[in-house]
């Protein structure tokens, strides 16, 4: 398990599947350096 991010830490590189198809690479796929990422687990 990786330690949680702290203030000023860089966001780690990862690839996420997008609802409806496709994927986004973070943080490379973002258009702005200031972004909020919300992870929603949905219904299990």
PDB file of N, CA and C in Angstrom:
ATOM      1  N   UNK A   1       0.850  -1.184   0.000  1.00  0.00           N
ATOM      2  CA  UNK A   1       0.000   0.000   0.000  1.00  0.00           C
ATOM      3  C   UNK A   1       0.886   1.234   0.000  1.00  0.00           C
ATOM      4  N   UNK A   2       0.515   2.209  -0.783  1.00  0.00           N
ATOM      5  CA  UNK A   2       1.278   3.440  -0.901  1.00  0.00           C
ATOM      6  C   UNK A   2       0.796   4.441   0.145  1.00  0.00           C
ATOM      7  N   UNK A   3       1.709   5.242   0.669  1.00  0.00           N
ATOM      8  CA  UNK A   3       1.326   6.285   1.625  1.00  0.00           C
ATOM      9  C   UNK A   3       0.417   7.308   0.956  1.00  0.00           C
ATOM     10  N   UNK A   4      -0.436   7.950   1.752  1.00  0.00           N
ATOM     11  CA  UNK A   4      -1.319   8.976   1.204  1.00  0.00           C
ATOM     12  C   UNK A   4      -0.508  10.206   0.807  1.00  0.00           C
ATOM     13  N   UNK A   5      -1.089  11.019  -0.070  1.00  0.00           N
ATOM     14  CA  UNK A   5      -0.428  12.245  -0.518  1.00  0.00           C
ATOM     15  C   UNK A   5      -0.462  13.290   0.581  1.00  0.00           C
ATOM     16  N   UNK A   6       0.587  14.049   0.660  1.00  0.00           N
ATOM     17  CA  UNK A   6       0.657  15.147   1.607  1.00  0.00           C
ATOM     18  C   UNK A   6       0.603  16.473   0.869  1.00  0.00           C
ATOM     19  N   UNK A   7       0.521  17.548   1.594  1.00  0.00           N
ATOM     20  CA  UNK A   7       0.495  18.879   0.997  1.00  0.00           C
ATOM     21  C   UNK A   7       1.743  19.093   0.156  1.00  0.00           C
ATOM     22  N   UNK A   8       1.559  19.482  -1.093  1.00  0.00           N
ATOM     23  CA  UNK A   8       2.675  19.750  -1.983  1.00  0.00           C
ATOM     24  C   UNK A   8       3.198  18.541  -2.734  1.00  0.00           C
ATOM     25  N   UNK A   9       2.683  17.338  -2.445  1.00  0.00           N
ATOM     26  CA  UNK A   9       3.120  16.136  -3.151  1.00  0.00           C
ATOM     27  C   UNK A   9       2.577  16.131  -4.575  1.00  0.00           C
ATOM     28  N   UNK A  10       3.334  15.561  -5.492  1.00  0.00           N
ATOM     29  CA  UNK A  10       2.887  15.430  -6.882  1.00  0.00           C
ATOM     30  C   UNK A  10       1.905  14.268  -6.988  1.00  0.00           C
ATOM     31  N   UNK A  11       0.887  14.415  -7.839  1.00  0.00           N
ATOM     32  CA  UNK A  11      -0.087  13.350  -8.069  1.00  0.00           C
ATOM     33  C   UNK A  11       0.609  12.234  -8.839  1.00  0.00           C
ATOM     34  N   UNK A  12       0.458  10.979  -8.430  1.00  0.00           N
ATOM     35  CA  UNK A  12       1.131   9.880  -9.129  1.00  0.00           C
ATOM     36  C   UNK A  12       0.507   9.628 -10.505  1.00  0.00           C
ATOM     37  N   UNK A  13       1.299   9.132 -11.437  1.00  0.00           N
ATOM     38  CA  UNK A  13       0.789   8.795 -12.767  1.00  0.00           C
ATOM     39  C   UNK A  13      -0.062   7.543 -12.689  1.00  0.00           C
ATOM     40  N   UNK A  14      -1.258   7.597 -13.305  1.00  0.00           N
ATOM     41  CA  UNK A  14      -2.120   6.426 -13.372  1.00  0.00           C
ATOM     42  C   UNK A  14      -3.106   6.578 -14.511  1.00  0.00           C
ATOM     43  N   UNK A  15      -3.692   5.462 -14.929  1.00  0.00           N
ATOM     44  CA  UNK A  15      -4.667   5.442 -16.014  1.00  0.00           C
ATOM     45  C   UNK A  15      -6.004   4.985 -15.449  1.00  0.00           C
ATOM     46  N   UNK A  16      -7.073   5.729 -15.768  1.00  0.00           N
ATOM     47  CA  UNK A  16      -8.414   5.421 -15.262  1.00  0.00           C
ATOM     48  C   UNK A  16      -9.375   5.201 -16.421  1.00  0.00           C
ATOM     49  N   UNK A  17     -10.253   4.200 -16.283  1.00  0.00           N
ATOM     50  CA  UNK A  17     -11.307   3.981 -17.265  1.00  0.00           C
ATOM     51  C   UNK A  17     -12.404   5.019 -17.026  1.00  0.00           C
ATOM     52  N   UNK A  18     -12.943   5.563 -18.103  1.00  0.00           N
ATOM     53  CA  UNK A  18     -13.999   6.564 -18.032  1.00  0.00           C
ATOM     54  C   UNK A  18     -15.337   5.881 -18.282  1.00  0.00           C
ATOM     55  N   UNK A  19     -16.353   6.263 -17.517  1.00  0.00           N
ATOM     56  CA  UNK A  19     -17.700   5.728 -17.734  1.00  0.00           C
ATOM     57  C   UNK A  19     -18.113   6.016 -19.174  1.00  0.00           C
ATOM     58  N   UNK A  20     -18.611   5.025 -19.868  1.00  0.00           N
ATOM     59  CA  UNK A  20     -19.010   5.201 -21.256  1.00  0.00           C
ATOM     60  C   UNK A  20     -17.920   4.806 -22.238  1.00  0.00           C
ATOM     61  N   UNK A  21     -16.754   4.410 -21.730  1.00  0.00           N
ATOM     62  CA  UNK A  21     -15.653   3.974 -22.587  1.00  0.00           C
ATOM     63  C   UNK A  21     -14.495   4.949 -22.603  1.00  0.00           C
ATOM     64  N   UNK A  22     -13.350   4.459 -22.980  1.00  0.00           N
ATOM     65  CA  UNK A  22     -12.150   5.276 -23.046  1.00  0.00           C
ATOM     66  C   UNK A  22     -11.405   5.285 -21.722  1.00  0.00           C
ATOM     67  N   UNK A  23     -10.338   6.057 -21.687  1.00  0.00           N
ATOM     68  CA  UNK A  23      -9.512   6.155 -20.490  1.00  0.00           C
ATOM     69  C   UNK A  23      -8.855   7.522 -20.450  1.00  0.00           C
ATOM     70  N   UNK A  24      -8.398   7.903 -19.284  1.00  0.00           N
ATOM     71  CA  UNK A  24      -7.661   9.152 -19.124  1.00  0.00           C
ATOM     72  C   UNK A  24      -6.411   8.842 -18.305  1.00  0.00           C
ATOM     73  N   UNK A  25      -5.311   9.435 -18.715  1.00  0.00           N
ATOM     74  CA  UNK A  25      -4.061   9.294 -17.979  1.00  0.00           C
ATOM     75  C   UNK A  25      -3.877  10.522 -17.100  1.00  0.00           C
ATOM     76  N   UNK A  26      -3.705  10.271 -15.808  1.00  0.00           N
ATOM     77  CA  UNK A  26      -3.515  11.365 -14.860  1.00  0.00           C
ATOM     78  C   UNK A  26      -2.082  11.398 -14.392  1.00  0.00           C
ATOM     79  N   UNK A  27      -1.489  12.540 -14.215  1.00  0.00           N
ATOM     80  CA  UNK A  27      -2.029  13.869 -14.471  1.00  0.00           C
ATOM     81  C   UNK A  27      -1.782  14.367 -15.886  1.00  0.00           C
ATOM     82  N   UNK A  28      -1.149  13.547 -16.749  1.00  0.00           N
ATOM     83  CA  UNK A  28      -0.787  13.996 -18.098  1.00  0.00           C
ATOM     84  C   UNK A  28      -1.987  14.393 -18.952  1.00  0.00           C
ATOM     85  N   UNK A  29      -3.159  13.781 -18.747  1.00  0.00           N
ATOM     86  CA  UNK A  29      -4.329  14.034 -19.575  1.00  0.00           C
ATOM     87  C   UNK A  29      -5.148  15.251 -19.160  1.00  0.00           C
ATOM     88  N   UNK A  30      -4.698  15.997 -18.178  1.00  0.00           N
ATOM     89  CA  UNK A  30      -5.434  17.172 -17.705  1.00  0.00           C
ATOM     90  C   UNK A  30      -4.942  18.432 -18.394  1.00  0.00           C
ATOM     91  N   UNK A  31      -5.869  19.359 -18.645  1.00  0.00           N
ATOM     92  CA  UNK A  31      -5.529  20.590 -19.336  1.00  0.00           C
ATOM     93  C   UNK A  31      -5.025  21.688 -18.410  1.00  0.00           C
ATOM     94  N   UNK A  32      -5.155  21.511 -17.112  1.00  0.00           N
ATOM     95  CA  UNK A  32      -4.788  22.550 -16.160  1.00  0.00           C
ATOM     96  C   UNK A  32      -4.028  21.934 -14.986  1.00  0.00           C
ATOM     97  N   UNK A  33      -3.097  22.665 -14.403  1.00  0.00           N
ATOM     98  CA  UNK A  33      -2.342  22.121 -13.278  1.00  0.00           C
ATOM     99  C   UNK A  33      -3.150  22.068 -11.971  1.00  0.00           C
ATOM    100  N   UNK A  34      -4.259  22.807 -11.901  1.00  0.00           N
ATOM    101  CA  UNK A  34      -5.097  22.832 -10.698  1.00  0.00           C
ATOM    102  C   UNK A  34      -6.402  22.104 -10.987  1.00  0.00           C
ATOM    103  N   UNK A  35      -6.550  20.908 -10.434  1.00  0.00           N
ATOM    104  CA  UNK A  35      -7.697  20.061 -10.735  1.00  0.00           C
ATOM    105  C   UNK A  35      -8.138  19.308  -9.487  1.00  0.00           C
ATOM    106  N   UNK A  36      -9.439  19.113  -9.352  1.00  0.00           N
ATOM    107  CA  UNK A  36      -9.982  18.284  -8.281  1.00  0.00           C
ATOM    108  C   UNK A  36     -10.389  16.953  -8.902  1.00  0.00           C
ATOM    109  N   UNK A  37      -9.927  15.845  -8.326  1.00  0.00           N
ATOM    110  CA  UNK A  37     -10.279  14.514  -8.812  1.00  0.00           C
ATOM    111  C   UNK A  37     -11.157  13.859  -7.758  1.00  0.00           C
ATOM    112  N   UNK A  38     -12.356  13.456  -8.155  1.00  0.00           N
ATOM    113  CA  UNK A  38     -13.309  12.821  -7.242  1.00  0.00           C
ATOM    114  C   UNK A  38     -13.475  11.361  -7.645  1.00  0.00           C
ATOM    115  N   UNK A  39     -13.225  10.456  -6.701  1.00  0.00           N
ATOM    116  CA  UNK A  39     -13.404   9.035  -6.951  1.00  0.00           C
ATOM    117  C   UNK A  39     -14.732   8.620  -6.323  1.00  0.00           C
ATOM    118  N   UNK A  40     -15.644   8.103  -7.133  1.00  0.00           N
ATOM    119  CA  UNK A  40     -16.958   7.675  -6.678  1.00  0.00           C
ATOM    120  C   UNK A  40     -17.080   6.181  -6.947  1.00  0.00           C
ATOM    121  N   UNK A  41     -17.288   5.400  -5.915  1.00  0.00           N
ATOM    122  CA  UNK A  41     -17.306   3.951  -6.095  1.00  0.00           C
ATOM    123  C   UNK A  41     -18.589   3.446  -6.728  1.00  0.00           C
ATOM    124  N   UNK A  42     -19.644   4.222  -6.751  1.00  0.00           N
ATOM    125  CA  UNK A  42     -20.901   3.786  -7.334  1.00  0.00           C
ATOM    126  C   UNK A  42     -21.628   2.786  -6.453  1.00  0.00           C
ATOM    127  N   UNK A  43     -22.500   1.987  -7.045  1.00  0.00           N
ATOM    128  CA  UNK A  43     -23.287   1.001  -6.296  1.00  0.00           C
ATOM    129  C   UNK A  43     -22.653  -0.372  -6.422  1.00  0.00           C
ATOM    130  N   UNK A  44     -22.423  -1.038  -5.294  1.00  0.00           N
ATOM    131  CA  UNK A  44     -21.844  -2.383  -5.306  1.00  0.00           C
ATOM    132  C   UNK A  44     -22.875  -3.311  -4.908  1.00  0.00           C
TER     133      UNK A  44
END
